[in-house]
Amino acid sequence: MSRAQRRAEGGERFRYASGIAAEGPGLVCHGTDVSVPVGKAIGARYPRDRATGCAAGGLRGLFWVEIDRVPAVDPEAAPNS
């Protein structure tokens, strides 16, 4: 079943989002002070890359999770095994 089909059926979903802060190791390549050798290596491998200029603590991305709501099961009503 596709995502669009689930939504069209009106099913409930849990959604959670959390920001990803730029920090430490990520700033070596994505920060405001990228060294010349690193900048050249990025340019050679990713010529259209624009993911630079990030500052420590700045928003770098977003984690997003969606989970279909599953009805709770009443243990008292479940058949004995």
Protein backbone atom coordinates (compact mmCIF):
# COMPACT_ATOMS: atom_id res chain seq x y z
CA MET A 1 0.00 0.00 0.00
CA SER A 2 1.46 3.34 -0.96
CA ARG A 3 1.83 6.33 1.32
CA ALA A 4 -0.84 8.18 -0.66
CA GLN A 5 -3.28 5.27 -0.25
CA ARG A 6 -2.79 5.16 3.52
CA ARG A 7 -3.44 8.88 3.82
CA ALA A 8 -6.44 8.71 1.54
CA GLU A 9 -7.97 6.07 3.81
CA GLY A 10 -7.75 8.50 6.73
CA GLY A 11 -5.53 6.33 8.91
CA GLU A 12 -3.94 8.02 11.89
CA ARG A 13 -0.18 8.48 11.92
CA PHE A 14 2.33 9.52 14.56
CA ARG A 15 4.76 12.14 13.24
CA TYR A 16 7.96 13.29 14.92
CA ALA A 17 10.52 15.84 13.74
CA SER A 18 13.83 16.82 15.30
CA GLY A 19 16.34 19.33 14.00
CA ILE A 20 19.92 18.34 13.23
CA ALA A 21 22.41 20.92 14.46
CA ALA A 22 25.67 21.54 12.62
CA GLU A 23 28.61 20.67 14.84
CA GLY A 24 32.20 19.46 15.06
CA PRO A 25 33.13 16.99 12.34
CA GLY A 26 30.42 18.13 9.92
CA LEU A 27 31.78 21.67 9.92
CA VAL A 28 35.09 20.48 8.44
CA CYS A 29 33.31 20.12 5.08
CA HIS A 30 30.11 22.13 5.59
CA GLY A 31 31.32 25.02 7.76
CA THR A 32 32.25 28.61 7.02
CA ASP A 33 36.01 28.00 7.25
CA VAL A 34 36.65 25.03 4.91
CA SER A 35 40.37 24.50 4.26
CA VAL A 36 41.67 24.83 0.70
CA PRO A 37 42.52 21.11 0.30
CA VAL A 38 39.09 20.06 1.62
CA GLY A 39 37.36 22.63 -0.61
CA LYS A 40 39.22 21.32 -3.65
CA ALA A 41 38.36 17.71 -2.81
CA ILE A 42 34.67 18.59 -2.38
CA GLY A 43 34.69 20.51 -5.67
CA ALA A 44 36.28 17.58 -7.51
CA ARG A 45 33.83 15.01 -6.14
CA TYR A 46 30.69 17.16 -5.88
CA PRO A 47 30.98 19.99 -8.41
CA ARG A 48 27.43 21.24 -7.78
CA ASP A 49 27.62 21.03 -3.98
CA ARG A 50 26.22 24.04 -2.12
CA ALA A 51 26.13 22.53 1.39
CA THR A 52 28.67 24.91 2.93
CA GLY A 53 28.56 27.98 5.13
CA CYS A 54 26.96 26.28 8.14
CA ALA A 55 27.70 27.66 11.59
CA ALA A 56 28.03 25.63 14.79
CA GLY A 57 24.60 25.06 16.29
CA GLY A 58 22.81 26.11 13.10
CA LEU A 59 20.06 23.98 11.59
CA ARG A 60 21.68 21.52 9.16
CA GLY A 61 18.79 19.18 8.52
CA LEU A 62 15.81 17.41 9.97
CA PHE A 63 15.04 13.90 11.16
CA TRP A 64 11.43 13.00 10.27
CA VAL A 65 9.65 9.83 11.35
CA GLU A 66 6.12 8.71 10.49
CA ILE A 67 4.55 5.62 12.02
CA ASP A 68 1.12 4.19 11.27
CA ARG A 69 -1.10 4.06 14.33
CA VAL A 70 -1.84 0.46 15.24
CA PRO A 71 -4.86 -0.23 17.46
CA ALA A 72 -3.97 -1.40 20.95
CA VAL A 73 -4.58 -5.04 21.75
CA ASP A 74 -6.42 -5.85 24.97
CA PRO A 75 -4.42 -8.71 26.58
CA GLU A 76 -7.58 -9.87 28.37
CA ALA A 77 -9.41 -10.25 25.05
CA ALA A 78 -6.55 -12.04 23.28
CA PRO A 79 -6.97 -15.81 22.85
CA ASN A 80 -4.91 -17.98 25.18
CA SER A 81 -1.98 -19.74 23.57
